[in-house]
Amino acid sequence: MSKDAPTIDAVGNRSEQSLTITLNIPNSLTILRILLIPVIIGLLIYDEFEYALLTLIIAALTDALDGTIARLANQRTQFGAYLDPLADKLLLMSTFITFSFLDLVPVWCVLVVVSRDAILLAGTLLAQMTNMTFDASPTLLGKATTLFQLLYIILVLTLAARDMDSTLLLPLLLTMSTLTVASGLHYIYRGVTSMNSPTGS
């Protein structure tokens, strides 16, 4: 779901890696997705599940559109490559955490989702601070995880808007959680392999 992410390089080359903030259409859509996060959380807190669902679908559409437009119009930027996956993580993590406070999803599920993304962010920061280079581009498994997480929260909201029990989604919950753990372990494996390789530092 994310645009092609760049390779994370050494901090010593930071002057060469400085991100140019380009507000083209894809990046503007990504920023809009980030701005919709507090709106979704507010609607959830006030039990406006139908409006929250509609806003979430709009956010999901911006996610699909920004990547498509960036590819077709050749508007890919380094800024967008970093911002797009960050927007996805902020949206999903914020929604899952809010769901947990509203007892819409089990706490262990939220811990799995948040822990995976926290590990990925920590790994990125570690690479920058230790002068390492490793491939942080999204994998097929990672993209599938994001897709299943988004599908799950959309269906949870759909059931909540109709006062239906979200335990009906247990098979999807287990599949999504398994993918989340698997993709997290895969990213850790890639990071460790990169650190131990001759070109990893």
N, C-alpha and C. Protein backbone atom coordinates (compact mmCIF):
# COMPACT_ATOMS: atom_id res chain seq x y z
N MET A 1 0.81 -1.19 0.00
CA MET A 1 0.00 0.00 0.00
C MET A 1 0.86 1.26 0.00
N SER A 2 2.10 1.08 0.26
CA SER A 2 2.99 2.21 0.35
C SER A 2 3.80 2.36 -0.92
N LYS A 3 4.20 3.58 -1.16
CA LYS A 3 5.07 3.83 -2.29
C LYS A 3 6.44 3.26 -1.99
N ASP A 4 7.26 3.07 -3.03
CA ASP A 4 8.56 2.45 -2.84
C ASP A 4 9.37 3.24 -1.81
N ALA A 5 9.76 2.59 -0.71
CA ALA A 5 10.51 3.25 0.35
C ALA A 5 11.98 3.22 0.01
N PRO A 6 12.74 4.25 0.42
CA PRO A 6 14.15 4.31 0.10
C PRO A 6 14.96 3.45 1.04
N THR A 7 16.21 3.21 0.66
CA THR A 7 17.14 2.55 1.56
C THR A 7 17.60 3.56 2.60
N ILE A 8 17.69 3.10 3.86
CA ILE A 8 18.07 3.99 4.95
C ILE A 8 19.59 4.03 5.03
N ASP A 9 20.21 5.20 4.84
CA ASP A 9 21.66 5.32 4.78
C ASP A 9 22.22 5.95 6.04
N ALA A 10 23.51 6.15 6.03
CA ALA A 10 24.23 6.62 7.20
C ALA A 10 23.89 8.05 7.55
N VAL A 11 23.97 8.33 8.85
CA VAL A 11 23.71 9.68 9.31
C VAL A 11 24.79 10.63 8.82
N GLY A 12 25.97 10.10 8.57
CA GLY A 12 27.07 10.95 8.12
C GLY A 12 26.79 11.59 6.79
N ASN A 13 25.86 11.00 6.02
CA ASN A 13 25.51 11.58 4.72
C ASN A 13 24.21 12.36 4.80
N ARG A 14 23.87 12.80 6.00
CA ARG A 14 22.57 13.44 6.20
C ARG A 14 22.38 14.65 5.30
N SER A 15 23.45 15.38 5.04
CA SER A 15 23.33 16.57 4.19
C SER A 15 22.91 16.18 2.79
N GLU A 16 23.31 14.96 2.35
CA GLU A 16 22.93 14.51 1.02
C GLU A 16 21.55 13.89 1.02
N GLN A 17 21.06 13.51 2.23
CA GLN A 17 19.79 12.81 2.33
C GLN A 17 18.66 13.71 2.75
N SER A 18 18.92 14.99 2.95
CA SER A 18 17.88 15.87 3.44
C SER A 18 16.66 15.78 2.54
N LEU A 19 15.50 15.62 3.17
CA LEU A 19 14.28 15.43 2.42
C LEU A 19 13.73 16.77 1.94
N THR A 20 13.42 16.83 0.66
CA THR A 20 12.78 18.01 0.11
C THR A 20 11.27 17.80 0.20
N ILE A 21 10.59 18.67 0.93
CA ILE A 21 9.15 18.54 1.11
C ILE A 21 8.45 19.03 -0.15
N THR A 22 7.92 18.09 -0.91
CA THR A 22 7.24 18.40 -2.16
C THR A 22 5.74 18.16 -1.99
N LEU A 23 4.96 19.22 -2.05
CA LEU A 23 3.52 19.08 -1.85
C LEU A 23 2.82 18.88 -3.19
N ASN A 24 3.11 17.74 -3.83
CA ASN A 24 2.36 17.38 -5.03
C ASN A 24 1.07 16.70 -4.61
N ILE A 25 0.30 16.20 -5.57
CA ILE A 25 -1.00 15.60 -5.25
C ILE A 25 -0.86 14.37 -4.37
N PRO A 26 0.03 13.41 -4.68
CA PRO A 26 0.15 12.23 -3.81
C PRO A 26 0.52 12.58 -2.37
N ASN A 27 1.48 13.48 -2.19
CA ASN A 27 1.90 13.84 -0.84
C ASN A 27 0.80 14.61 -0.11
N SER A 28 0.04 15.41 -0.84
CA SER A 28 -1.08 16.14 -0.23
C SER A 28 -2.15 15.17 0.26
N LEU A 29 -2.39 14.10 -0.51
CA LEU A 29 -3.35 13.08 -0.09
C LEU A 29 -2.86 12.35 1.16
N THR A 30 -1.56 12.10 1.22
CA THR A 30 -1.00 11.44 2.39
C THR A 30 -1.13 12.32 3.63
N ILE A 31 -0.87 13.62 3.47
CA ILE A 31 -1.03 14.56 4.58
C ILE A 31 -2.49 14.62 5.01
N LEU A 32 -3.41 14.58 4.04
CA LEU A 32 -4.84 14.57 4.37
C LEU A 32 -5.18 13.35 5.22
N ARG A 33 -4.59 12.20 4.89
CA ARG A 33 -4.84 10.98 5.65
C ARG A 33 -4.40 11.15 7.11
N ILE A 34 -3.28 11.81 7.31
CA ILE A 34 -2.80 12.06 8.67
C ILE A 34 -3.75 13.00 9.41
N LEU A 35 -4.22 14.03 8.71
CA LEU A 35 -5.14 15.00 9.33
C LEU A 35 -6.49 14.38 9.69
N LEU A 36 -6.86 13.30 8.99
CA LEU A 36 -8.14 12.63 9.29
C LEU A 36 -8.06 11.76 10.54
N ILE A 37 -6.86 11.46 11.01
CA ILE A 37 -6.71 10.57 12.17
C ILE A 37 -7.41 11.13 13.42
N PRO A 38 -7.15 12.39 13.83
CA PRO A 38 -7.86 12.89 15.01
C PRO A 38 -9.37 12.98 14.80
N VAL A 39 -9.81 13.18 13.56
CA VAL A 39 -11.24 13.21 13.28
C VAL A 39 -11.85 11.83 13.55
N ILE A 40 -11.19 10.79 13.08
CA ILE A 40 -11.67 9.42 13.29
C ILE A 40 -11.71 9.10 14.79
N ILE A 41 -10.65 9.46 15.50
CA ILE A 41 -10.59 9.18 16.93
C ILE A 41 -11.71 9.91 17.67
N GLY A 42 -11.93 11.18 17.32
CA GLY A 42 -12.99 11.94 17.96
C GLY A 42 -14.37 11.34 17.72
N LEU A 43 -14.62 10.92 16.49
CA LEU A 43 -15.91 10.30 16.17
C LEU A 43 -16.08 8.98 16.92
N LEU A 44 -15.01 8.23 17.07
CA LEU A 44 -15.08 6.97 17.81
C LEU A 44 -15.40 7.22 19.29
N ILE A 45 -14.74 8.21 19.86
CA ILE A 45 -14.95 8.51 21.28
C ILE A 45 -16.39 8.89 21.57
N TYR A 46 -17.01 9.60 20.60
CA TYR A 46 -18.40 10.03 20.79
C TYR A 46 -19.41 9.04 20.19
N ASP A 47 -18.93 7.81 19.94
CA ASP A 47 -19.80 6.72 19.45
C ASP A 47 -20.48 7.04 18.12
N GLU A 48 -19.87 7.87 17.33
CA GLU A 48 -20.39 8.15 15.99
C GLU A 48 -19.74 7.17 15.00
N PHE A 49 -20.10 5.91 15.15
CA PHE A 49 -19.41 4.85 14.41
C PHE A 49 -19.63 4.94 12.90
N GLU A 50 -20.82 5.33 12.48
CA GLU A 50 -21.09 5.41 11.05
C GLU A 50 -20.24 6.50 10.39
N TYR A 51 -20.16 7.66 11.05
CA TYR A 51 -19.34 8.74 10.50
C TYR A 51 -17.85 8.38 10.58
N ALA A 52 -17.47 7.68 11.65
CA ALA A 52 -16.08 7.24 11.77
C ALA A 52 -15.74 6.27 10.65
N LEU A 53 -16.68 5.38 10.34
CA LEU A 53 -16.48 4.42 9.25
C LEU A 53 -16.33 5.13 7.92
N LEU A 54 -17.18 6.12 7.67
CA LEU A 54 -17.10 6.88 6.42
C LEU A 54 -15.76 7.62 6.31
N THR A 55 -15.34 8.22 7.41
CA THR A 55 -14.06 8.94 7.40
C THR A 55 -12.89 7.99 7.20
N LEU A 56 -12.99 6.81 7.80
CA LEU A 56 -11.93 5.80 7.65
C LEU A 56 -11.84 5.32 6.20
N ILE A 57 -12.99 5.14 5.56
CA ILE A 57 -13.00 4.72 4.16
C ILE A 57 -12.37 5.80 3.28
N ILE A 58 -12.66 7.07 3.58
CA ILE A 58 -12.04 8.17 2.83
C ILE A 58 -10.53 8.13 3.01
N ALA A 59 -10.07 7.88 4.25
CA ALA A 59 -8.63 7.78 4.51
C ALA A 59 -8.01 6.62 3.73
N ALA A 60 -8.74 5.51 3.67
CA ALA A 60 -8.24 4.35 2.93
C ALA A 60 -8.15 4.66 1.43
N LEU A 61 -9.11 5.42 0.93
CA LEU A 61 -9.09 5.80 -0.49
C LEU A 61 -7.90 6.70 -0.81
N THR A 62 -7.57 7.60 0.12
CA THR A 62 -6.39 8.45 -0.11
C THR A 62 -5.13 7.60 -0.16
N ASP A 63 -5.11 6.52 0.61
CA ASP A 63 -3.96 5.62 0.61
C ASP A 63 -3.81 4.93 -0.74
N ALA A 64 -4.96 4.52 -1.32
CA ALA A 64 -4.91 3.87 -2.63
C ALA A 64 -4.57 4.88 -3.73
N LEU A 65 -5.13 6.09 -3.61
CA LEU A 65 -4.94 7.08 -4.67
C LEU A 65 -3.53 7.66 -4.70
N ASP A 66 -2.93 7.90 -3.53
CA ASP A 66 -1.63 8.57 -3.56
C ASP A 66 -0.57 7.73 -4.26
N GLY A 67 -0.59 6.41 -3.99
CA GLY A 67 0.38 5.54 -4.66
C GLY A 67 0.12 5.42 -6.15
N THR A 68 -1.17 5.32 -6.52
CA THR A 68 -1.53 5.19 -7.93
C THR A 68 -1.14 6.44 -8.71
N ILE A 69 -1.46 7.61 -8.16
CA ILE A 69 -1.14 8.86 -8.84
C ILE A 69 0.37 9.05 -8.93
N ALA A 70 1.08 8.69 -7.85
CA ALA A 70 2.54 8.84 -7.85
C ALA A 70 3.18 8.01 -8.95
N ARG A 71 2.64 6.80 -9.19
CA ARG A 71 3.21 5.94 -10.23
C ARG A 71 2.82 6.42 -11.62
N LEU A 72 1.54 6.69 -11.83
CA LEU A 72 1.06 7.05 -13.17
C LEU A 72 1.55 8.42 -13.62
N ALA A 73 1.64 9.37 -12.67
CA ALA A 73 2.05 10.73 -13.02
C ALA A 73 3.53 10.96 -12.77
N ASN A 74 4.24 9.89 -12.40
CA ASN A 74 5.68 10.00 -12.14
C ASN A 74 5.97 11.09 -11.11
N GLN A 75 5.22 11.06 -10.00
CA GLN A 75 5.37 12.07 -8.95
C GLN A 75 5.90 11.45 -7.65
N ARG A 76 6.68 10.38 -7.77
CA ARG A 76 7.29 9.79 -6.58
C ARG A 76 8.37 10.71 -6.04
N THR A 77 8.39 10.88 -4.72
CA THR A 77 9.40 11.70 -4.07
C THR A 77 9.94 10.96 -2.85
N GLN A 78 11.15 11.32 -2.42
CA GLN A 78 11.72 10.71 -1.23
C GLN A 78 10.88 11.06 0.00
N PHE A 79 10.39 12.30 0.05
CA PHE A 79 9.53 12.72 1.15
C PHE A 79 8.28 11.84 1.22
N GLY A 80 7.65 11.60 0.08
CA GLY A 80 6.46 10.77 0.05
C GLY A 80 6.74 9.33 0.41
N ALA A 81 7.93 8.83 0.02
CA ALA A 81 8.30 7.45 0.33
C ALA A 81 8.42 7.22 1.83
N TYR A 82 8.85 8.24 2.57
CA TYR A 82 8.91 8.14 4.02
C TYR A 82 7.54 8.40 4.66
N LEU A 83 6.83 9.41 4.13
CA LEU A 83 5.60 9.86 4.76
C LEU A 83 4.46 8.86 4.61
N ASP A 84 4.36 8.19 3.46
CA ASP A 84 3.24 7.29 3.19
C ASP A 84 3.16 6.12 4.18
N PRO A 85 4.23 5.36 4.38
CA PRO A 85 4.14 4.28 5.37
C PRO A 85 3.96 4.79 6.80
N LEU A 86 4.53 5.98 7.09
CA LEU A 86 4.34 6.56 8.42
C LEU A 86 2.86 6.90 8.65
N ALA A 87 2.20 7.43 7.62
CA ALA A 87 0.78 7.75 7.73
C ALA A 87 -0.04 6.48 7.97
N ASP A 88 0.31 5.40 7.27
CA ASP A 88 -0.38 4.13 7.47
C ASP A 88 -0.25 3.66 8.92
N LYS A 89 0.97 3.71 9.45
CA LYS A 89 1.21 3.24 10.82
C LYS A 89 0.45 4.10 11.83
N LEU A 90 0.48 5.42 11.65
CA LEU A 90 -0.22 6.31 12.57
C LEU A 90 -1.72 6.05 12.55
N LEU A 91 -2.27 5.86 11.36
CA LEU A 91 -3.71 5.62 11.23
C LEU A 91 -4.11 4.31 11.91
N LEU A 92 -3.38 3.25 11.60
CA LEU A 92 -3.73 1.93 12.14
C LEU A 92 -3.50 1.86 13.65
N MET A 93 -2.35 2.34 14.10
CA MET A 93 -2.05 2.29 15.53
C MET A 93 -3.05 3.11 16.33
N SER A 94 -3.37 4.31 15.87
CA SER A 94 -4.31 5.18 16.58
C SER A 94 -5.69 4.54 16.66
N THR A 95 -6.11 3.94 15.56
CA THR A 95 -7.44 3.32 15.53
C THR A 95 -7.51 2.10 16.43
N PHE A 96 -6.50 1.26 16.37
CA PHE A 96 -6.48 0.06 17.23
C PHE A 96 -6.45 0.44 18.71
N ILE A 97 -5.64 1.43 19.07
CA ILE A 97 -5.56 1.85 20.47
C ILE A 97 -6.91 2.39 20.94
N THR A 98 -7.56 3.19 20.10
CA THR A 98 -8.88 3.73 20.45
C THR A 98 -9.90 2.60 20.57
N PHE A 99 -9.84 1.63 19.66
CA PHE A 99 -10.72 0.46 19.74
C PHE A 99 -10.57 -0.25 21.08
N SER A 100 -9.33 -0.36 21.56
CA SER A 100 -9.10 -1.08 22.82
C SER A 100 -9.77 -0.37 23.99
N PHE A 101 -9.73 0.97 24.00
CA PHE A 101 -10.38 1.72 25.06
C PHE A 101 -11.90 1.58 25.00
N LEU A 102 -12.42 1.35 23.81
CA LEU A 102 -13.87 1.19 23.62
C LEU A 102 -14.31 -0.27 23.70
N ASP A 103 -13.35 -1.16 24.01
CA ASP A 103 -13.63 -2.61 24.12
C ASP A 103 -14.18 -3.20 22.82
N LEU A 104 -13.70 -2.68 21.70
CA LEU A 104 -14.13 -3.21 20.41
C LEU A 104 -13.19 -4.31 19.91
N VAL A 105 -11.97 -4.34 20.41
CA VAL A 105 -11.01 -5.38 20.04
C VAL A 105 -10.29 -5.83 21.30
N PRO A 106 -9.79 -7.07 21.33
CA PRO A 106 -9.05 -7.53 22.51
C PRO A 106 -7.73 -6.79 22.68
N VAL A 107 -7.32 -6.62 23.93
CA VAL A 107 -6.10 -5.87 24.22
C VAL A 107 -4.88 -6.55 23.60
N TRP A 108 -4.84 -7.90 23.60
CA TRP A 108 -3.66 -8.60 23.07
C TRP A 108 -3.46 -8.28 21.59
N CYS A 109 -4.56 -8.07 20.88
CA CYS A 109 -4.47 -7.72 19.45
C CYS A 109 -3.80 -6.36 19.27
N VAL A 110 -4.17 -5.41 20.12
CA VAL A 110 -3.58 -4.08 20.05
C VAL A 110 -2.09 -4.14 20.37
N LEU A 111 -1.73 -4.95 21.35
CA LEU A 111 -0.32 -5.10 21.72
C LEU A 111 0.50 -5.66 20.57
N VAL A 112 -0.08 -6.61 19.83
CA VAL A 112 0.61 -7.20 18.68
C VAL A 112 0.85 -6.16 17.61
N VAL A 113 -0.19 -5.40 17.28
CA VAL A 113 -0.10 -4.40 16.21
C VAL A 113 0.88 -3.28 16.59
N VAL A 114 0.71 -2.74 17.79
CA VAL A 114 1.54 -1.62 18.22
C VAL A 114 3.00 -2.05 18.39
N SER A 115 3.21 -3.24 18.94
CA SER A 115 4.58 -3.73 19.16
C SER A 115 5.32 -3.88 17.84
N ARG A 116 4.65 -4.42 16.82
CA ARG A 116 5.29 -4.59 15.51
C ARG A 116 5.74 -3.24 14.95
N ASP A 117 4.84 -2.26 14.95
CA ASP A 117 5.18 -0.97 14.37
C ASP A 117 6.23 -0.24 15.21
N ALA A 118 6.17 -0.42 16.54
CA ALA A 118 7.17 0.21 17.40
C ALA A 118 8.55 -0.37 17.13
N ILE A 119 8.62 -1.69 16.89
CA ILE A 119 9.90 -2.33 16.57
C ILE A 119 10.45 -1.81 15.24
N LEU A 120 9.57 -1.65 14.25
CA LEU A 120 10.01 -1.14 12.95
C LEU A 120 10.54 0.28 13.06
N LEU A 121 9.84 1.11 13.81
CA LEU A 121 10.30 2.50 13.97
C LEU A 121 11.61 2.55 14.75
N ALA A 122 11.73 1.70 15.78
CA ALA A 122 12.96 1.67 16.57
C ALA A 122 14.13 1.19 15.71
N GLY A 123 13.88 0.21 14.84
CA GLY A 123 14.93 -0.28 13.96
C GLY A 123 15.40 0.79 12.99
N THR A 124 14.47 1.59 12.49
CA THR A 124 14.82 2.68 11.58
C THR A 124 15.69 3.72 12.27
N LEU A 125 15.28 4.09 13.50
CA LEU A 125 16.07 5.07 14.25
C LEU A 125 17.45 4.52 14.60
N LEU A 126 17.52 3.22 14.95
CA LEU A 126 18.80 2.59 15.28
C LEU A 126 19.74 2.63 14.09
N ALA A 127 19.20 2.35 12.91
CA ALA A 127 20.03 2.35 11.70
C ALA A 127 20.60 3.74 11.43
N GLN A 128 19.78 4.77 11.66
CA GLN A 128 20.25 6.13 11.43
C GLN A 128 21.30 6.55 12.44
N MET A 129 21.14 6.10 13.70
CA MET A 129 22.07 6.52 14.74
C MET A 129 23.38 5.75 14.70
N THR A 130 23.36 4.54 14.13
CA THR A 130 24.57 3.70 14.13
C THR A 130 25.25 3.65 12.77
N ASN A 131 24.84 4.53 11.88
CA ASN A 131 25.55 4.66 10.61
C ASN A 131 25.44 3.42 9.73
N MET A 132 24.29 2.74 9.79
CA MET A 132 24.10 1.53 9.02
C MET A 132 23.25 1.79 7.79
N THR A 133 23.30 0.84 6.87
CA THR A 133 22.47 0.89 5.68
C THR A 133 21.71 -0.43 5.57
N PHE A 134 20.39 -0.35 5.47
CA PHE A 134 19.63 -1.57 5.22
C PHE A 134 18.37 -1.25 4.45
N ASP A 135 17.85 -2.26 3.79
CA ASP A 135 16.68 -2.10 2.95
C ASP A 135 15.42 -2.07 3.79
N ALA A 136 14.74 -0.92 3.81
CA ALA A 136 13.51 -0.77 4.60
C ALA A 136 12.28 -0.72 3.72
N SER A 137 12.41 -1.12 2.47
CA SER A 137 11.27 -1.09 1.56
C SER A 137 10.20 -2.09 2.01
N PRO A 138 8.92 -1.76 1.83
CA PRO A 138 7.85 -2.65 2.27
C PRO A 138 7.86 -3.96 1.50
N THR A 139 7.69 -5.06 2.22
CA THR A 139 7.65 -6.38 1.60
C THR A 139 6.22 -6.74 1.24
N LEU A 140 6.07 -7.80 0.46
CA LEU A 140 4.73 -8.29 0.12
C LEU A 140 3.98 -8.70 1.38
N LEU A 141 4.70 -9.33 2.31
CA LEU A 141 4.08 -9.73 3.58
C LEU A 141 3.66 -8.51 4.39
N GLY A 142 4.49 -7.47 4.37
CA GLY A 142 4.15 -6.25 5.08
C GLY A 142 2.94 -5.55 4.49
N LYS A 143 2.85 -5.53 3.16
CA LYS A 143 1.70 -4.92 2.50
C LYS A 143 0.42 -5.71 2.78
N ALA A 144 0.54 -7.05 2.80
CA ALA A 144 -0.63 -7.89 3.11
C ALA A 144 -1.09 -7.64 4.54
N THR A 145 -0.14 -7.46 5.45
CA THR A 145 -0.48 -7.18 6.85
C THR A 145 -1.27 -5.88 6.97
N THR A 146 -0.78 -4.83 6.30
CA THR A 146 -1.47 -3.54 6.34
C THR A 146 -2.88 -3.66 5.76
N LEU A 147 -3.01 -4.40 4.67
CA LEU A 147 -4.31 -4.57 4.04
C LEU A 147 -5.28 -5.28 4.96
N PHE A 148 -4.83 -6.36 5.62
CA PHE A 148 -5.71 -7.12 6.52
C PHE A 148 -6.05 -6.31 7.77
N GLN A 149 -5.10 -5.52 8.26
CA GLN A 149 -5.39 -4.66 9.42
C GLN A 149 -6.46 -3.64 9.07
N LEU A 150 -6.33 -3.02 7.91
CA LEU A 150 -7.31 -2.02 7.48
C LEU A 150 -8.67 -2.66 7.26
N LEU A 151 -8.69 -3.83 6.62
CA LEU A 151 -9.95 -4.54 6.41
C LEU A 151 -10.61 -4.88 7.74
N TYR A 152 -9.80 -5.30 8.71
CA TYR A 152 -10.35 -5.69 10.01
C TYR A 152 -10.99 -4.51 10.72
N ILE A 153 -10.31 -3.35 10.76
CA ILE A 153 -10.89 -2.22 11.49
C ILE A 153 -12.12 -1.67 10.76
N ILE A 154 -12.16 -1.77 9.44
CA ILE A 154 -13.35 -1.34 8.70
C ILE A 154 -14.54 -2.22 9.06
N LEU A 155 -14.31 -3.53 9.13
CA LEU A 155 -15.39 -4.46 9.45
C LEU A 155 -15.81 -4.34 10.92
N VAL A 156 -14.85 -4.08 11.81
CA VAL A 156 -15.20 -3.86 13.22
C VAL A 156 -16.11 -2.65 13.35
N LEU A 157 -15.78 -1.57 12.63
CA LEU A 157 -16.62 -0.37 12.67
C LEU A 157 -17.98 -0.62 12.05
N THR A 158 -18.01 -1.42 10.99
CA THR A 158 -19.28 -1.75 10.34
C THR A 158 -20.21 -2.48 11.30
N LEU A 159 -19.66 -3.44 12.05
CA LEU A 159 -20.46 -4.18 13.03
C LEU A 159 -20.86 -3.29 14.20
N ALA A 160 -19.93 -2.42 14.65
CA ALA A 160 -20.23 -1.53 15.77
C ALA A 160 -21.35 -0.56 15.42
N ALA A 161 -21.37 -0.09 14.17
CA ALA A 161 -22.41 0.84 13.73
C ALA A 161 -23.79 0.17 13.72
N ARG A 162 -23.79 -1.16 13.65
CA ARG A 162 -25.05 -1.91 13.63
C ARG A 162 -25.30 -2.67 14.92
N ASP A 163 -24.55 -2.34 15.96
CA ASP A 163 -24.66 -2.98 17.27
C ASP A 163 -24.52 -4.50 17.18
N MET A 164 -23.62 -4.96 16.35
CA MET A 164 -23.36 -6.38 16.21
C MET A 164 -22.05 -6.74 16.90
N ASP A 165 -21.94 -8.00 17.32
CA ASP A 165 -20.78 -8.47 18.08
C ASP A 165 -19.58 -8.66 17.16
N SER A 166 -18.47 -8.03 17.51
CA SER A 166 -17.27 -8.12 16.68
C SER A 166 -16.57 -9.47 16.78
N THR A 167 -17.01 -10.32 17.72
CA THR A 167 -16.42 -11.66 17.80
C THR A 167 -16.73 -12.48 16.55
N LEU A 168 -17.67 -12.03 15.74
CA LEU A 168 -17.95 -12.68 14.46
C LEU A 168 -16.73 -12.63 13.55
N LEU A 169 -15.83 -11.69 13.83
CA LEU A 169 -14.65 -11.51 12.99
C LEU A 169 -13.44 -12.27 13.53
N LEU A 170 -13.66 -13.21 14.43
CA LEU A 170 -12.54 -13.93 15.05
C LEU A 170 -11.60 -14.58 14.03
N PRO A 171 -12.10 -15.26 12.99
CA PRO A 171 -11.17 -15.84 11.99
C PRO A 171 -10.30 -14.78 11.32
N LEU A 172 -10.89 -13.63 10.98
CA LEU A 172 -10.12 -12.55 10.37
C LEU A 172 -9.12 -11.97 11.37
N LEU A 173 -9.54 -11.85 12.62
CA LEU A 173 -8.65 -11.34 13.67
C LEU A 173 -7.41 -12.22 13.81
N LEU A 174 -7.61 -13.53 13.84
CA LEU A 174 -6.50 -14.45 13.99
C LEU A 174 -5.57 -14.41 12.77
N THR A 175 -6.16 -14.32 11.59
CA THR A 175 -5.36 -14.23 10.36
C THR A 175 -4.54 -12.95 10.34
N MET A 176 -5.19 -11.84 10.67
CA MET A 176 -4.51 -10.54 10.70
C MET A 176 -3.39 -10.53 11.72
N SER A 177 -3.63 -11.10 12.90
CA SER A 177 -2.62 -11.12 13.95
C SER A 177 -1.43 -11.99 13.55
N THR A 178 -1.71 -13.12 12.90
CA THR A 178 -0.64 -14.01 12.44
C THR A 178 0.23 -13.31 11.41
N LEU A 179 -0.40 -12.61 10.47
CA LEU A 179 0.35 -11.86 9.47
C LEU A 179 1.19 -10.75 10.12
N THR A 180 0.62 -10.10 11.12
CA THR A 180 1.32 -9.02 11.81
C THR A 180 2.59 -9.54 12.46
N VAL A 181 2.47 -10.67 13.17
CA VAL A 181 3.65 -11.26 13.83
C VAL A 181 4.67 -11.72 12.79
N ALA A 182 4.18 -12.39 11.75
CA ALA A 182 5.09 -12.92 10.71
C ALA A 182 5.85 -11.79 10.01
N SER A 183 5.15 -10.72 9.66
CA SER A 183 5.82 -9.62 8.97
C SER A 183 6.80 -8.91 9.90
N GLY A 184 6.45 -8.79 11.18
CA GLY A 184 7.37 -8.18 12.13
C GLY A 184 8.65 -8.99 12.27
N LEU A 185 8.51 -10.32 12.36
CA LEU A 185 9.69 -11.19 12.45
C LEU A 185 10.53 -11.12 11.18
N HIS A 186 9.84 -10.98 10.04
CA HIS A 186 10.56 -10.90 8.77
C HIS A 186 11.37 -9.62 8.67
N TYR A 187 10.79 -8.50 9.11
CA TYR A 187 11.52 -7.24 9.10
C TYR A 187 12.72 -7.29 10.05
N ILE A 188 12.54 -7.94 11.21
CA ILE A 188 13.65 -8.08 12.15
C ILE A 188 14.76 -8.92 11.52
N TYR A 189 14.37 -10.01 10.85
CA TYR A 189 15.35 -10.87 10.19
C TYR A 189 16.12 -10.09 9.13
N ARG A 190 15.42 -9.29 8.33
CA ARG A 190 16.10 -8.49 7.30
C ARG A 190 17.06 -7.50 7.93
N GLY A 191 16.63 -6.89 9.04
CA GLY A 191 17.49 -5.92 9.69
C GLY A 191 18.74 -6.55 10.27
N VAL A 192 18.58 -7.69 10.94
CA VAL A 192 19.73 -8.38 11.54
C VAL A 192 20.68 -8.87 10.44
N THR A 193 20.11 -9.40 9.35
CA THR A 193 20.93 -9.87 8.23
C THR A 193 21.73 -8.73 7.62
N SER A 194 21.08 -7.57 7.50
CA SER A 194 21.75 -6.41 6.95
C SER A 194 22.87 -5.92 7.86
N MET A 195 22.64 -5.96 9.18
CA MET A 195 23.65 -5.53 10.13
C MET A 195 24.88 -6.42 10.10
N ASN A 196 24.67 -7.71 9.84
CA ASN A 196 25.78 -8.67 9.84
C ASN A 196 26.48 -8.81 8.48
N SER A 197 25.91 -8.15 7.46
CA SER A 197 26.52 -8.24 6.14
C SER A 197 27.66 -7.24 6.02
N PRO A 198 28.62 -7.47 5.11
CA PRO A 198 29.76 -6.54 4.96
C PRO A 198 29.36 -5.13 4.58
N THR A 199 28.23 -4.99 3.89
CA THR A 199 27.78 -3.65 3.47
C THR A 199 26.79 -3.05 4.43
N GLY A 200 26.56 -3.72 5.56
CA GLY A 200 25.54 -3.24 6.50
C GLY A 200 26.02 -2.12 7.38
N SER A 201 27.26 -1.72 7.28
CA SER A 201 27.76 -0.63 8.11
C SER A 201 28.71 0.25 7.32
